[in-house]
Amino acid sequence: MKKVTSISKKIRILGALLIVLMLSVIATTIYLNQQNAKDALIINIAGKQRMLTQKMSKNIFYIHYSSNKDFYELNEAVDEFINGLNTLRHGDSDKGISSVPTYKISTQQIVINKLWEEFHENIQNFKLLTLSDENKNPELDRIITSIYRENTILLDNVDKLVTMYTNFSEEKTNFIKLFQYASGLTLLLLFFYALLQLRMIESHVDTFMQYSKMLLNNEDVSKLTPIKLQAESEVEIIEVSDTMNCFINKVNSAMDCSNEAILQSERASSKLEELTDEFDLIIDELKDKSLAHKHLNNSEDIVIESTEDLINSTKKLSDLKAELTKLTKSCQENMS
């Protein structure tokens, strides 16, 4: 059995889907813009970590070979690097940065934290030996060599972290864009589907209008033809057409009954006239018989009276048919 859906329900469903999809596209666009800003900030912090590793190594080499004991820039770079690691690891609610987004990035951050602990320990030892008055050049040289080697390893891993954040941001952006394209295509399909449904509704309305004009211009209302619509899935169209066809069928049935009654009345009247003629012949034959003549006159009166009653019945049935015709024409005028 084919499922029947009301037009109003279809319109409500289409409207709801269009509103939901439009709101989804708007929400994803806003979300995409916000995420792009946050991802740009995270990538900037991760990229700055790469720059800070080079800055720390540069300051260490400069202090070592220039005999300068000013650690201000070095300490500033170390503090900024530590803050950057904490932000990338745990997030920052003030800046809207969330914690580690993926397991892969989390694993890479653990590797960087271990490398940083060794690198930071060498920095602290370098500062202590540089500030010491004792001659510890071999130990200091070993630390410098270790810092040089670990800086390269730390720099490569930080660079991997930046690449991971960049790829994650691009994947997320591509997914959101794909969702936007899919939503846009769905909106387009729903738009065309809505146009198709409106076109179908318009065609049904045109059919009703053409049928009503046909009824209005048709002078012969003795037999009205029921309307036929191909609207098996629109409950309102089905109800309207069924109601109209039911009315038309009732009018046709009443017209048929009245026509049949008139025809039967006319036949009865004709038979009575024949009987009257026969009685006239009998009366002429029995006119000398007074008693029979009296009874025959009474019979004749009865036949005449019956004929008059049938004529009156025929007239009333004709009036009924006229009233039904007026009712049909009145309905036609209301439909127009």
C-alpha atoms as a PDB file:
ATOM      1  CA  MET A   1       0.000   0.000   0.000  1.00  0.00           C
ATOM      2  CA  LYS A   2       1.395   3.359  -1.022  1.00  0.00           C
ATOM      3  CA  LYS A   3       2.057   5.713   1.860  1.00  0.00           C
ATOM      4  CA  VAL A   4      -0.079   8.851   1.813  1.00  0.00           C
ATOM      5  CA  THR A   5       1.438  12.058   3.147  1.00  0.00           C
ATOM      6  CA  SER A   6      -0.333  15.362   3.617  1.00  0.00           C
ATOM      7  CA  ILE A   7       0.879  18.401   1.728  1.00  0.00           C
ATOM      8  CA  SER A   8       1.140  20.434   4.939  1.00  0.00           C
ATOM      9  CA  LYS A   9       3.329  17.720   6.487  1.00  0.00           C
ATOM     10  CA  LYS A  10       5.594  17.708   3.434  1.00  0.00           C
ATOM     11  CA  ILE A  11       5.916  21.480   3.595  1.00  0.00           C
ATOM     12  CA  ARG A  12       6.721  21.361   7.333  1.00  0.00           C
ATOM     13  CA  ILE A  13       9.344  18.642   6.819  1.00  0.00           C
ATOM     14  CA  LEU A  14      10.955  20.483   3.909  1.00  0.00           C
ATOM     15  CA  GLY A  15      10.945  23.745   5.844  1.00  0.00           C
ATOM     16  CA  ALA A  16      12.469  22.094   8.900  1.00  0.00           C
ATOM     17  CA  LEU A  17      15.178  20.416   6.819  1.00  0.00           C
ATOM     18  CA  LEU A  18      16.015  23.655   5.029  1.00  0.00           C
ATOM     19  CA  ILE A  19      16.229  25.554   8.317  1.00  0.00           C
ATOM     20  CA  VAL A  20      18.361  22.857   9.972  1.00  0.00           C
ATOM     21  CA  LEU A  21      20.743  22.658   7.022  1.00  0.00           C
ATOM     22  CA  MET A  22      21.052  26.426   6.733  1.00  0.00           C
ATOM     23  CA  LEU A  23      21.751  26.737  10.453  1.00  0.00           C
ATOM     24  CA  SER A  24      24.263  23.871  10.188  1.00  0.00           C
ATOM     25  CA  VAL A  25      26.105  25.587   7.340  1.00  0.00           C
ATOM     26  CA  ILE A  26      26.159  28.887   9.233  1.00  0.00           C
ATOM     27  CA  ALA A  27      27.298  27.162  12.457  1.00  0.00           C
ATOM     28  CA  THR A  28      30.043  25.187  10.694  1.00  0.00           C
ATOM     29  CA  THR A  29      31.234  28.337   8.934  1.00  0.00           C
ATOM     30  CA  ILE A  30      31.487  30.181  12.256  1.00  0.00           C
ATOM     31  CA  TYR A  31      33.134  27.137  13.841  1.00  0.00           C
ATOM     32  CA  LEU A  32      35.582  26.880  10.935  1.00  0.00           C
ATOM     33  CA  ASN A  33      36.591  30.519  11.298  1.00  0.00           C
ATOM     34  CA  GLN A  34      37.092  30.118  15.050  1.00  0.00           C
ATOM     35  CA  GLN A  35      39.051  26.904  14.634  1.00  0.00           C
ATOM     36  CA  ASN A  36      41.229  28.447  11.940  1.00  0.00           C
ATOM     37  CA  ALA A  37      42.089  31.263  14.339  1.00  0.00           C
ATOM     38  CA  LYS A  38      42.825  28.822  17.181  1.00  0.00           C
ATOM     39  CA  ASP A  39      44.790  26.465  14.945  1.00  0.00           C
ATOM     40  CA  ALA A  40      46.804  29.390  13.615  1.00  0.00           C
ATOM     41  CA  LEU A  41      47.607  30.377  17.217  1.00  0.00           C
ATOM     42  CA  ILE A  42      48.643  26.804  18.129  1.00  0.00           C
ATOM     43  CA  ILE A  43      50.796  26.429  15.016  1.00  0.00           C
ATOM     44  CA  ASN A  44      52.343  29.799  15.791  1.00  0.00           C
ATOM     45  CA  ILE A  45      53.224  28.644  19.344  1.00  0.00           C
ATOM     46  CA  ALA A  46      54.639  25.349  18.056  1.00  0.00           C
ATOM     47  CA  GLY A  47      56.638  27.184  15.392  1.00  0.00           C
ATOM     48  CA  LYS A  48      57.913  29.599  18.001  1.00  0.00           C
ATOM     49  CA  GLN A  49      59.195  26.625  20.032  1.00  0.00           C
ATOM     50  CA  ARG A  50      61.386  25.750  17.066  1.00  0.00           C
ATOM     51  CA  MET A  51      62.739  29.290  16.977  1.00  0.00           C
ATOM     52  CA  LEU A  52      63.365  29.306  20.754  1.00  0.00           C
ATOM     53  CA  THR A  53      65.549  26.178  20.603  1.00  0.00           C
ATOM     54  CA  GLN A  54      67.800  27.969  18.115  1.00  0.00           C
ATOM     55  CA  LYS A  55      67.730  31.159  20.178  1.00  0.00           C
ATOM     56  CA  MET A  56      68.794  29.316  23.340  1.00  0.00           C
ATOM     57  CA  SER A  57      71.663  27.569  21.553  1.00  0.00           C
ATOM     58  CA  LYS A  58      72.765  30.822  19.965  1.00  0.00           C
ATOM     59  CA  ASN A  59      72.833  32.592  23.335  1.00  0.00           C
ATOM     60  CA  ILE A  60      74.771  29.739  24.952  1.00  0.00           C
ATOM     61  CA  PHE A  61      77.404  29.805  22.230  1.00  0.00           C
ATOM     62  CA  TYR A  62      77.616  33.605  22.365  1.00  0.00           C
ATOM     63  CA  ILE A  63      78.038  33.633  26.182  1.00  0.00           C
ATOM     64  CA  HIS A  64      80.589  30.856  26.054  1.00  0.00           C
ATOM     65  CA  TYR A  65      82.843  32.350  23.389  1.00  0.00           C
ATOM     66  CA  SER A  66      82.470  35.997  24.400  1.00  0.00           C
ATOM     67  CA  SER A  67      82.967  35.463  28.140  1.00  0.00           C
ATOM     68  CA  ASN A  68      79.727  37.392  28.664  1.00  0.00           C
ATOM     69  CA  LYS A  69      77.778  36.289  31.725  1.00  0.00           C
ATOM     70  CA  ASP A  70      74.477  37.988  30.925  1.00  0.00           C
ATOM     71  CA  PHE A  71      71.790  35.260  30.925  1.00  0.00           C
ATOM     72  CA  TYR A  72      68.769  37.553  30.527  1.00  0.00           C
ATOM     73  CA  GLU A  73      67.913  36.574  26.946  1.00  0.00           C
ATOM     74  CA  LEU A  74      68.715  32.931  27.651  1.00  0.00           C
ATOM     75  CA  ASN A  75      66.434  32.847  30.718  1.00  0.00           C
ATOM     76  CA  GLU A  76      63.693  34.646  28.806  1.00  0.00           C
ATOM     77  CA  ALA A  77      63.890  32.081  25.977  1.00  0.00           C
ATOM     78  CA  VAL A  78      63.847  29.180  28.478  1.00  0.00           C
ATOM     79  CA  ASP A  79      60.759  30.535  30.282  1.00  0.00           C
ATOM     80  CA  GLU A  80      58.934  31.162  27.025  1.00  0.00           C
ATOM     81  CA  PHE A  81      59.782  27.659  25.794  1.00  0.00           C
ATOM     82  CA  ILE A  82      58.442  26.098  29.012  1.00  0.00           C
ATOM     83  CA  ASN A  83      55.245  28.159  28.829  1.00  0.00           C
ATOM     84  CA  GLY A  84      54.799  27.107  25.225  1.00  0.00           C
ATOM     85  CA  LEU A  85      55.161  23.426  26.120  1.00  0.00           C
ATOM     86  CA  ASN A  86      52.596  23.749  28.917  1.00  0.00           C
ATOM     87  CA  THR A  87      50.162  25.548  26.626  1.00  0.00           C
ATOM     88  CA  LEU A  88      50.478  22.903  23.915  1.00  0.00           C
ATOM     89  CA  ARG A  89      50.187  20.104  26.445  1.00  0.00           C
ATOM     90  CA  HIS A  90      47.374  21.332  28.708  1.00  0.00           C
ATOM     91  CA  GLY A  91      45.781  24.113  26.670  1.00  0.00           C
ATOM     92  CA  ASP A  92      44.909  27.670  27.660  1.00  0.00           C
ATOM     93  CA  SER A  93      41.309  28.570  28.496  1.00  0.00           C
ATOM     94  CA  ASP A  94      42.001  32.303  28.306  1.00  0.00           C
ATOM     95  CA  LYS A  95      43.183  31.974  24.702  1.00  0.00           C
ATOM     96  CA  GLY A  96      40.619  29.327  23.810  1.00  0.00           C
ATOM     97  CA  ILE A  97      43.263  26.678  23.202  1.00  0.00           C
ATOM     98  CA  SER A  98      42.278  23.087  24.021  1.00  0.00           C
ATOM     99  CA  SER A  99      44.581  20.352  25.253  1.00  0.00           C
ATOM    100  CA  VAL A 100      46.331  17.785  23.049  1.00  0.00           C
ATOM    101  CA  PRO A 101      43.877  16.939  20.216  1.00  0.00           C
ATOM    102  CA  THR A 102      45.242  13.534  19.108  1.00  0.00           C
ATOM    103  CA  TYR A 103      47.153  10.610  20.541  1.00  0.00           C
ATOM    104  CA  LYS A 104      49.858  10.976  17.892  1.00  0.00           C
ATOM    105  CA  ILE A 105      50.520  14.593  18.835  1.00  0.00           C
ATOM    106  CA  SER A 106      50.468  13.651  22.537  1.00  0.00           C
ATOM    107  CA  THR A 107      53.123  10.996  21.930  1.00  0.00           C
ATOM    108  CA  GLN A 108      55.310  13.482  20.095  1.00  0.00           C
ATOM    109  CA  GLN A 109      54.952  15.985  22.941  1.00  0.00           C
ATOM    110  CA  ILE A 110      56.120  13.324  25.419  1.00  0.00           C
ATOM    111  CA  VAL A 111      59.225  12.786  23.289  1.00  0.00           C
ATOM    112  CA  ILE A 112      59.894  16.545  23.199  1.00  0.00           C
ATOM    113  CA  ASN A 113      59.412  16.822  26.973  1.00  0.00           C
ATOM    114  CA  LYS A 114      62.076  14.150  27.572  1.00  0.00           C
ATOM    115  CA  LEU A 115      64.482  15.833  25.165  1.00  0.00           C
ATOM    116  CA  TRP A 116      63.764  19.180  26.792  1.00  0.00           C
ATOM    117  CA  GLU A 117      64.505  17.862  30.274  1.00  0.00           C
ATOM    118  CA  GLU A 118      68.000  16.810  29.146  1.00  0.00           C
ATOM    119  CA  PHE A 119      68.516  20.015  27.204  1.00  0.00           C
ATOM    120  CA  HIS A 120      67.306  22.159  30.104  1.00  0.00           C
ATOM    121  CA  GLU A 121      69.590  20.315  32.531  1.00  0.00           C
ATOM    122  CA  ASN A 122      72.580  21.060  30.305  1.00  0.00           C
ATOM    123  CA  ILE A 123      71.557  24.729  30.201  1.00  0.00           C
ATOM    124  CA  GLN A 124      71.419  24.882  33.995  1.00  0.00           C
ATOM    125  CA  ASN A 125      74.824  23.177  34.282  1.00  0.00           C
ATOM    126  CA  PHE A 126      76.233  25.574  31.697  1.00  0.00           C
ATOM    127  CA  LYS A 127      75.041  28.557  33.713  1.00  0.00           C
ATOM    128  CA  LEU A 128      76.502  27.159  36.940  1.00  0.00           C
ATOM    129  CA  LEU A 129      79.901  26.392  35.372  1.00  0.00           C
ATOM    130  CA  THR A 130      80.025  29.756  33.622  1.00  0.00           C
ATOM    131  CA  LEU A 131      79.362  31.611  36.858  1.00  0.00           C
ATOM    132  CA  SER A 132      81.882  29.466  38.773  1.00  0.00           C
ATOM    133  CA  ASP A 133      85.394  30.816  39.291  1.00  0.00           C
ATOM    134  CA  GLU A 134      86.915  27.392  39.068  1.00  0.00           C
ATOM    135  CA  ASN A 135      88.611  26.275  35.896  1.00  0.00           C
ATOM    136  CA  LYS A 136      86.315  23.632  34.455  1.00  0.00           C
ATOM    137  CA  ASN A 137      86.882  24.069  30.749  1.00  0.00           C
ATOM    138  CA  PRO A 138      86.779  20.337  29.839  1.00  0.00           C
ATOM    139  CA  GLU A 139      83.417  19.892  31.579  1.00  0.00           C
ATOM    140  CA  LEU A 140      82.095  23.081  30.030  1.00  0.00           C
ATOM    141  CA  ASP A 141      83.215  21.982  26.603  1.00  0.00           C
ATOM    142  CA  ARG A 142      81.445  18.665  27.074  1.00  0.00           C
ATOM    143  CA  ILE A 143      78.228  20.480  27.969  1.00  0.00           C
ATOM    144  CA  ILE A 144      78.560  22.786  24.981  1.00  0.00           C
ATOM    145  CA  THR A 145      79.040  19.779  22.702  1.00  0.00           C
ATOM    146  CA  SER A 146      76.036  18.042  24.277  1.00  0.00           C
ATOM    147  CA  ILE A 147      73.902  21.181  23.847  1.00  0.00           C
ATOM    148  CA  TYR A 148      74.907  21.404  20.206  1.00  0.00           C
ATOM    149  CA  ARG A 149      73.987  17.749  19.604  1.00  0.00           C
ATOM    150  CA  GLU A 150      70.733  17.828  21.599  1.00  0.00           C
ATOM    151  CA  ASN A 151      69.666  21.105  20.017  1.00  0.00           C
ATOM    152  CA  THR A 152      69.587  19.487  16.601  1.00  0.00           C
ATOM    153  CA  ILE A 153      67.548  16.530  17.867  1.00  0.00           C
ATOM    154  CA  LEU A 154      65.169  18.801  19.792  1.00  0.00           C
ATOM    155  CA  LEU A 155      64.796  21.079  16.772  1.00  0.00           C
ATOM    156  CA  ASP A 156      63.886  18.147  14.481  1.00  0.00           C
ATOM    157  CA  ASN A 157      61.245  16.837  16.908  1.00  0.00           C
ATOM    158  CA  VAL A 158      59.738  20.281  17.411  1.00  0.00           C
ATOM    159  CA  ASP A 159      59.597  20.589  13.633  1.00  0.00           C
ATOM    160  CA  LYS A 160      57.708  17.265  13.509  1.00  0.00           C
ATOM    161  CA  LEU A 161      55.283  18.605  16.098  1.00  0.00           C
ATOM    162  CA  VAL A 162      54.631  21.699  13.985  1.00  0.00           C
ATOM    163  CA  THR A 163      53.981  19.493  10.957  1.00  0.00           C
ATOM    164  CA  MET A 164      51.542  17.353  12.980  1.00  0.00           C
ATOM    165  CA  TYR A 165      49.584  20.398  14.124  1.00  0.00           C
ATOM    166  CA  THR A 166      49.528  21.750  10.577  1.00  0.00           C
ATOM    167  CA  ASN A 167      48.273  18.453   9.133  1.00  0.00           C
ATOM    168  CA  PHE A 168      45.650  18.134  11.874  1.00  0.00           C
ATOM    169  CA  SER A 169      44.383  21.638  11.161  1.00  0.00           C
ATOM    170  CA  GLU A 170      44.235  20.975   7.418  1.00  0.00           C
ATOM    171  CA  GLU A 171      42.394  17.666   7.903  1.00  0.00           C
ATOM    172  CA  LYS A 172      39.863  19.316  10.172  1.00  0.00           C
ATOM    173  CA  THR A 173      39.403  22.172   7.736  1.00  0.00           C
ATOM    174  CA  ASN A 174      38.973  19.781   4.809  1.00  0.00           C
ATOM    175  CA  PHE A 175      36.399  17.756   6.745  1.00  0.00           C
ATOM    176  CA  ILE A 176      34.399  20.868   7.622  1.00  0.00           C
ATOM    177  CA  LYS A 177      34.598  22.076   4.011  1.00  0.00           C
ATOM    178  CA  LEU A 178      33.415  18.660   2.829  1.00  0.00           C
ATOM    179  CA  PHE A 179      30.484  18.923   5.231  1.00  0.00           C
ATOM    180  CA  GLN A 180      29.696  22.387   3.869  1.00  0.00           C
ATOM    181  CA  TYR A 181      29.777  21.112   0.283  1.00  0.00           C
ATOM    182  CA  ALA A 182      27.542  18.162   1.205  1.00  0.00           C
ATOM    183  CA  SER A 183      25.125  20.484   3.034  1.00  0.00           C
ATOM    184  CA  GLY A 184      25.090  22.861   0.068  1.00  0.00           C
ATOM    185  CA  LEU A 185      24.353  19.996  -2.331  1.00  0.00           C
ATOM    186  CA  THR A 186      21.608  18.732  -0.014  1.00  0.00           C
ATOM    187  CA  LEU A 187      20.116  22.231   0.127  1.00  0.00           C
ATOM    188  CA  LEU A 188      20.150  22.362  -3.670  1.00  0.00           C
ATOM    189  CA  LEU A 189      18.441  18.970  -3.930  1.00  0.00           C
ATOM    190  CA  LEU A 190      15.832  19.969  -1.343  1.00  0.00           C
ATOM    191  CA  PHE A 191      15.255  23.202  -3.260  1.00  0.00           C
ATOM    192  CA  PHE A 192      14.592  21.333  -6.502  1.00  0.00           C
ATOM    193  CA  TYR A 193      12.426  18.789  -4.651  1.00  0.00           C
ATOM    194  CA  ALA A 194      10.412  21.627  -3.125  1.00  0.00           C
ATOM    195  CA  LEU A 195       9.975  23.182  -6.577  1.00  0.00           C
ATOM    196  CA  LEU A 196       8.803  19.807  -7.910  1.00  0.00           C
ATOM    197  CA  GLN A 197       6.263  19.440  -5.085  1.00  0.00           C
ATOM    198  CA  LEU A 198       5.012  22.988  -5.605  1.00  0.00           C
ATOM    199  CA  ARG A 199       4.707  22.290  -9.330  1.00  0.00           C
ATOM    200  CA  MET A 200       2.641  19.160  -8.598  1.00  0.00           C
ATOM    201  CA  ILE A 201       0.388  21.085  -6.209  1.00  0.00           C
ATOM    202  CA  GLU A 202       0.004  23.832  -8.823  1.00  0.00           C
ATOM    203  CA  SER A 203      -0.963  21.242 -11.464  1.00  0.00           C
ATOM    204  CA  HIS A 204      -3.630  19.794  -9.143  1.00  0.00           C
ATOM    205  CA  VAL A 205      -5.023  23.259  -8.446  1.00  0.00           C
ATOM    206  CA  ASP A 206      -5.087  23.965 -12.194  1.00  0.00           C
ATOM    207  CA  THR A 207      -7.004  20.717 -12.720  1.00  0.00           C
ATOM    208  CA  PHE A 208      -9.593  21.793 -10.141  1.00  0.00           C
ATOM    209  CA  MET A 209      -9.878  25.229 -11.756  1.00  0.00           C
ATOM    210  CA  GLN A 210     -10.300  23.787 -15.266  1.00  0.00           C
ATOM    211  CA  TYR A 211     -12.885  21.315 -13.999  1.00  0.00           C
ATOM    212  CA  SER A 212     -14.858  24.028 -12.195  1.00  0.00           C
ATOM    213  CA  LYS A 213     -14.807  26.191 -15.352  1.00  0.00           C
ATOM    214  CA  MET A 214     -16.039  23.189 -17.348  1.00  0.00           C
ATOM    215  CA  LEU A 215     -18.930  22.708 -14.916  1.00  0.00           C
ATOM    216  CA  LEU A 216     -19.714  26.418 -15.060  1.00  0.00           C
ATOM    217  CA  ASN A 217     -19.820  26.521 -18.859  1.00  0.00           C
ATOM    218  CA  ASN A 218     -21.638  23.185 -19.266  1.00  0.00           C
ATOM    219  CA  GLU A 219     -25.368  23.803 -19.672  1.00  0.00           C
ATOM    220  CA  ASP A 220     -26.240  20.093 -19.649  1.00  0.00           C
ATOM    221  CA  VAL A 221     -26.008  18.996 -16.014  1.00  0.00           C
ATOM    222  CA  SER A 222     -28.026  15.844 -16.413  1.00  0.00           C
ATOM    223  CA  LYS A 223     -24.877  13.726 -16.131  1.00  0.00           C
ATOM    224  CA  LEU A 224     -21.768  15.112 -14.412  1.00  0.00           C
ATOM    225  CA  THR A 225     -18.423  13.342 -14.835  1.00  0.00           C
ATOM    226  CA  PRO A 226     -16.347  12.787 -11.640  1.00  0.00           C
ATOM    227  CA  ILE A 227     -12.976  14.507 -11.554  1.00  0.00           C
ATOM    228  CA  LYS A 228      -9.860  12.334 -11.947  1.00  0.00           C
ATOM    229  CA  LEU A 229      -6.540  13.345 -10.336  1.00  0.00           C
ATOM    230  CA  GLN A 230      -3.198  11.568 -10.193  1.00  0.00           C
ATOM    231  CA  ALA A 231      -2.451  12.485  -6.572  1.00  0.00           C
ATOM    232  CA  GLU A 232      -1.977   9.206  -4.763  1.00  0.00           C
ATOM    233  CA  SER A 233       0.388  10.651  -2.146  1.00  0.00           C
ATOM    234  CA  GLU A 234      -1.244  13.994  -1.266  1.00  0.00           C
ATOM    235  CA  VAL A 235      -3.963  13.407   1.308  1.00  0.00           C
ATOM    236  CA  GLU A 236      -5.516  16.886   0.977  1.00  0.00           C
ATOM    237  CA  ILE A 237      -5.883  16.530  -2.809  1.00  0.00           C
ATOM    238  CA  ILE A 238      -7.405  13.073  -2.354  1.00  0.00           C
ATOM    239  CA  GLU A 239      -9.881  14.327   0.258  1.00  0.00           C
ATOM    240  CA  VAL A 240     -10.970  17.292  -1.876  1.00  0.00           C
ATOM    241  CA  SER A 241     -11.388  15.183  -5.018  1.00  0.00           C
ATOM    242  CA  ASP A 242     -13.240  12.452  -3.100  1.00  0.00           C
ATOM    243  CA  THR A 243     -15.572  15.022  -1.534  1.00  0.00           C
ATOM    244  CA  MET A 244     -16.296  16.630  -4.894  1.00  0.00           C
ATOM    245  CA  ASN A 245     -16.810  13.261  -6.595  1.00  0.00           C
ATOM    246  CA  CYS A 246     -19.101  12.116  -3.765  1.00  0.00           C
ATOM    247  CA  PHE A 247     -21.240  15.214  -4.243  1.00  0.00           C
ATOM    248  CA  ILE A 248     -21.261  14.723  -8.031  1.00  0.00           C
ATOM    249  CA  ASN A 249     -22.265  11.072  -7.643  1.00  0.00           C
ATOM    250  CA  LYS A 250     -25.105  12.017  -5.283  1.00  0.00           C
ATOM    251  CA  VAL A 251     -26.352  14.649  -7.722  1.00  0.00           C
ATOM    252  CA  ASN A 252     -26.159  12.163 -10.603  1.00  0.00           C
ATOM    253  CA  SER A 253     -27.979   9.546  -8.543  1.00  0.00           C
ATOM    254  CA  ALA A 254     -30.748  12.001  -7.624  1.00  0.00           C
ATOM    255  CA  MET A 255     -31.060  13.084 -11.252  1.00  0.00           C
ATOM    256  CA  ASP A 256     -31.272   9.448 -12.385  1.00  0.00           C
ATOM    257  CA  CYS A 257     -33.929   8.685  -9.773  1.00  0.00           C
ATOM    258  CA  SER A 258     -35.998  11.709 -10.740  1.00  0.00           C
ATOM    259  CA  ASN A 259     -35.743  10.868 -14.436  1.00  0.00           C
ATOM    260  CA  GLU A 260     -36.761   7.284 -13.751  1.00  0.00           C
ATOM    261  CA  ALA A 261     -39.703   8.416 -11.589  1.00  0.00           C
ATOM    262  CA  ILE A 262     -40.877  10.812 -14.269  1.00  0.00           C
ATOM    263  CA  LEU A 263     -40.620   8.087 -16.891  1.00  0.00           C
ATOM    264  CA  GLN A 264     -42.619   5.637 -14.750  1.00  0.00           C
ATOM    265  CA  SER A 265     -45.227   8.314 -14.048  1.00  0.00           C
ATOM    266  CA  GLU A 266     -45.574   9.051 -17.729  1.00  0.00           C
ATOM    267  CA  ARG A 267     -45.985   5.352 -18.482  1.00  0.00           C
ATOM    268  CA  ALA A 268     -48.646   5.002 -15.770  1.00  0.00           C
ATOM    269  CA  SER A 269     -50.478   8.044 -17.066  1.00  0.00           C
ATOM    270  CA  SER A 270     -50.423   6.586 -20.562  1.00  0.00           C
ATOM    271  CA  LYS A 271     -51.869   3.289 -19.297  1.00  0.00           C
ATOM    272  CA  LEU A 272     -54.613   5.115 -17.441  1.00  0.00           C
ATOM    273  CA  GLU A 273     -55.516   7.046 -20.564  1.00  0.00           C
ATOM    274  CA  GLU A 274     -55.802   3.766 -22.424  1.00  0.00           C
ATOM    275  CA  LEU A 275     -58.053   2.441 -19.646  1.00  0.00           C
ATOM    276  CA  THR A 276     -60.183   5.577 -19.863  1.00  0.00           C
ATOM    277  CA  ASP A 277     -60.617   5.088 -23.568  1.00  0.00           C
ATOM    278  CA  GLU A 278     -61.641   1.492 -23.015  1.00  0.00           C
ATOM    279  CA  PHE A 279     -64.172   2.534 -20.361  1.00  0.00           C
ATOM    280  CA  ASP A 280     -65.591   5.076 -22.785  1.00  0.00           C
ATOM    281  CA  LEU A 281     -66.164   2.289 -25.304  1.00  0.00           C
ATOM    282  CA  ILE A 282     -67.796   0.106 -22.668  1.00  0.00           C
ATOM    283  CA  ILE A 283     -70.031   2.990 -21.573  1.00  0.00           C
ATOM    284  CA  ASP A 284     -71.131   3.553 -25.134  1.00  0.00           C
ATOM    285  CA  GLU A 285     -72.038  -0.107 -25.411  1.00  0.00           C
ATOM    286  CA  LEU A 286     -73.896  -0.168 -22.067  1.00  0.00           C
ATOM    287  CA  LYS A 287     -75.509   3.288 -22.191  1.00  0.00           C
ATOM    288  CA  ASP A 288     -78.972   1.766 -22.136  1.00  0.00           C
ATOM    289  CA  LYS A 289     -78.324   0.002 -18.873  1.00  0.00           C
ATOM    290  CA  SER A 290     -78.809   2.647 -16.223  1.00  0.00           C
ATOM    291  CA  LEU A 291     -77.359   0.729 -13.238  1.00  0.00           C
ATOM    292  CA  ALA A 292     -74.276  -0.359 -15.087  1.00  0.00           C
ATOM    293  CA  HIS A 293     -74.022   3.117 -16.443  1.00  0.00           C
ATOM    294  CA  LYS A 294     -73.994   4.517 -12.910  1.00  0.00           C
ATOM    295  CA  HIS A 295     -71.254   2.187 -11.716  1.00  0.00           C
ATOM    296  CA  LEU A 296     -69.234   2.755 -14.809  1.00  0.00           C
ATOM    297  CA  ASN A 297     -69.523   6.497 -14.310  1.00  0.00           C
ATOM    298  CA  ASN A 298     -68.165   6.021 -10.805  1.00  0.00           C
ATOM    299  CA  SER A 299     -65.320   3.904 -12.159  1.00  0.00           C
ATOM    300  CA  GLU A 300     -64.655   6.520 -14.764  1.00  0.00           C
ATOM    301  CA  ASP A 301     -64.476   9.186 -12.071  1.00  0.00           C
ATOM    302  CA  ILE A 302     -62.002   7.081 -10.127  1.00  0.00           C
ATOM    303  CA  VAL A 303     -59.828   6.561 -13.207  1.00  0.00           C
ATOM    304  CA  ILE A 304     -59.935  10.282 -14.005  1.00  0.00           C
ATOM    305  CA  GLU A 305     -59.041  11.138 -10.426  1.00  0.00           C
ATOM    306  CA  SER A 306     -56.125   8.656 -10.495  1.00  0.00           C
ATOM    307  CA  THR A 307     -54.960  10.141 -13.751  1.00  0.00           C
ATOM    308  CA  GLU A 308     -55.014  13.603 -12.237  1.00  0.00           C
ATOM    309  CA  ASP A 309     -53.057  12.342  -9.222  1.00  0.00           C
ATOM    310  CA  LEU A 310     -50.443  10.807 -11.502  1.00  0.00           C
ATOM    311  CA  ILE A 311     -50.254  14.019 -13.474  1.00  0.00           C
ATOM    312  CA  ASN A 312     -49.718  15.930 -10.227  1.00  0.00           C
ATOM    313  CA  SER A 313     -47.045  13.420  -9.193  1.00  0.00           C
ATOM    314  CA  THR A 314     -45.373  13.847 -12.558  1.00  0.00           C
ATOM    315  CA  LYS A 315     -45.426  17.616 -12.106  1.00  0.00           C
ATOM    316  CA  LYS A 316     -43.925  17.336  -8.611  1.00  0.00           C
ATOM    317  CA  LEU A 317     -41.179  15.043  -9.894  1.00  0.00           C
ATOM    318  CA  SER A 318     -40.484  17.526 -12.669  1.00  0.00           C
ATOM    319  CA  ASP A 319     -40.257  20.254 -10.060  1.00  0.00           C
ATOM    320  CA  LEU A 320     -37.833  18.044  -8.092  1.00  0.00           C
ATOM    321  CA  LYS A 321     -35.686  17.604 -11.155  1.00  0.00           C
ATOM    322  CA  ALA A 322     -35.718  21.369 -11.751  1.00  0.00           C
ATOM    323  CA  GLU A 323     -34.679  21.992  -8.128  1.00  0.00           C
ATOM    324  CA  LEU A 324     -31.802  19.501  -8.471  1.00  0.00           C
ATOM    325  CA  THR A 325     -30.735  21.251 -11.660  1.00  0.00           C
ATOM    326  CA  LYS A 326     -30.793  24.591  -9.797  1.00  0.00           C
ATOM    327  CA  LEU A 327     -28.753  23.026  -6.958  1.00  0.00           C
ATOM    328  CA  THR A 328     -26.133  21.765  -9.406  1.00  0.00           C
ATOM    329  CA  LYS A 329     -25.875  25.124 -11.143  1.00  0.00           C
ATOM    330  CA  SER A 330     -25.644  26.866  -7.755  1.00  0.00           C
ATOM    331  CA  CYS A 331     -22.735  24.585  -6.815  1.00  0.00           C
ATOM    332  CA  GLN A 332     -21.108  25.399 -10.136  1.00  0.00           C
ATOM    333  CA  GLU A 333     -21.433  29.122  -9.417  1.00  0.00           C
ATOM    334  CA  ASN A 334     -19.938  28.672  -5.912  1.00  0.00           C
ATOM    335  CA  MET A 335     -17.015  26.676  -7.346  1.00  0.00           C
ATOM    336  CA  SER A 336     -16.346  29.468  -9.846  1.00  0.00           C
END
